[in-house]
Amino acid sequence: MSMAVVGMVAGMALAFAGYFGGFGAFLLVAALGAVGFVVGRLLEGDLEMGDFFRGRDRGPRRR
């Protein structure tokens, strides 16, 4: 399934949630969709848990 179709389905799900459930349902569906996306990327191996907790390398520390 192409990413365009996945995006269209996600957009339709958000639209239905917003129309029938109001703004709170829209936010809930969007948040759970984001969590599902991150979990899916973790299971596929595209992300690692350390990516969320590791700080950025900023080079030598200035004093």
Protein backbone atom coordinates (compact mmCIF):
# COMPACT_ATOMS: atom_id res chain seq x y z
CA MET A 1 0.00 0.00 0.00
CA SER A 2 1.46 3.36 -0.99
CA MET A 3 2.08 6.12 1.51
CA ALA A 4 -0.48 8.31 -0.30
CA VAL A 5 -3.21 5.74 0.39
CA VAL A 6 -2.13 5.38 4.02
CA GLY A 7 -2.20 9.17 4.42
CA MET A 8 -5.63 9.36 2.82
CA VAL A 9 -7.03 6.67 5.15
CA ALA A 10 -5.53 8.41 8.18
CA GLY A 11 -7.00 11.72 7.07
CA MET A 12 -10.42 10.16 6.58
CA ALA A 13 -10.27 8.58 10.05
CA LEU A 14 -9.42 11.95 11.58
CA ALA A 15 -12.20 13.62 9.62
CA PHE A 16 -14.80 11.09 10.81
CA ALA A 17 -13.58 11.44 14.40
CA GLY A 18 -13.75 15.21 14.21
CA TYR A 19 -17.18 15.26 12.59
CA PHE A 20 -18.91 12.68 14.77
CA GLY A 21 -16.99 13.00 18.03
CA GLY A 22 -15.92 16.62 18.13
CA PHE A 23 -12.52 18.15 18.66
CA GLY A 24 -11.67 15.95 21.66
CA ALA A 25 -12.17 12.79 19.62
CA PHE A 26 -10.10 14.30 16.82
CA LEU A 27 -7.20 14.91 19.21
CA LEU A 28 -7.53 11.43 20.72
CA VAL A 29 -7.43 9.75 17.31
CA ALA A 30 -4.48 11.89 16.23
CA ALA A 31 -2.52 11.12 19.42
CA LEU A 32 -3.20 7.39 19.26
CA GLY A 33 -2.27 7.40 15.58
CA ALA A 34 1.07 9.02 16.42
CA VAL A 35 1.71 6.46 19.16
CA GLY A 36 0.84 3.65 16.77
CA PHE A 37 3.19 5.09 14.16
CA VAL A 38 6.09 5.23 16.62
CA VAL A 39 5.43 1.70 17.90
CA GLY A 40 5.25 0.41 14.33
CA ARG A 41 8.58 2.05 13.49
CA LEU A 42 10.12 0.54 16.62
CA LEU A 43 8.88 -2.94 15.71
CA GLU A 44 10.15 -2.61 12.14
CA GLY A 45 13.59 -1.65 13.45
CA ASP A 46 13.64 1.84 11.90
CA LEU A 47 13.84 3.48 15.33
CA GLU A 48 15.57 2.54 18.55
CA MET A 49 14.55 3.49 22.07
CA GLY A 50 17.91 5.23 22.53
CA ASP A 51 16.93 7.71 19.81
CA PHE A 52 14.38 9.22 22.19
CA PHE A 53 16.64 9.48 25.24
CA ARG A 54 20.00 10.39 23.73
CA GLY A 55 21.00 14.05 23.72
CA ARG A 56 22.24 15.80 20.64
CA ASP A 57 25.99 15.95 20.05
CA ARG A 58 26.88 19.60 20.19
CA GLY A 59 30.62 19.24 19.93
CA PRO A 60 33.02 20.40 22.60
CA ARG A 61 31.42 22.07 25.58
CA ARG A 62 32.11 25.80 25.80
CA ARG A 63 32.93 27.38 29.12
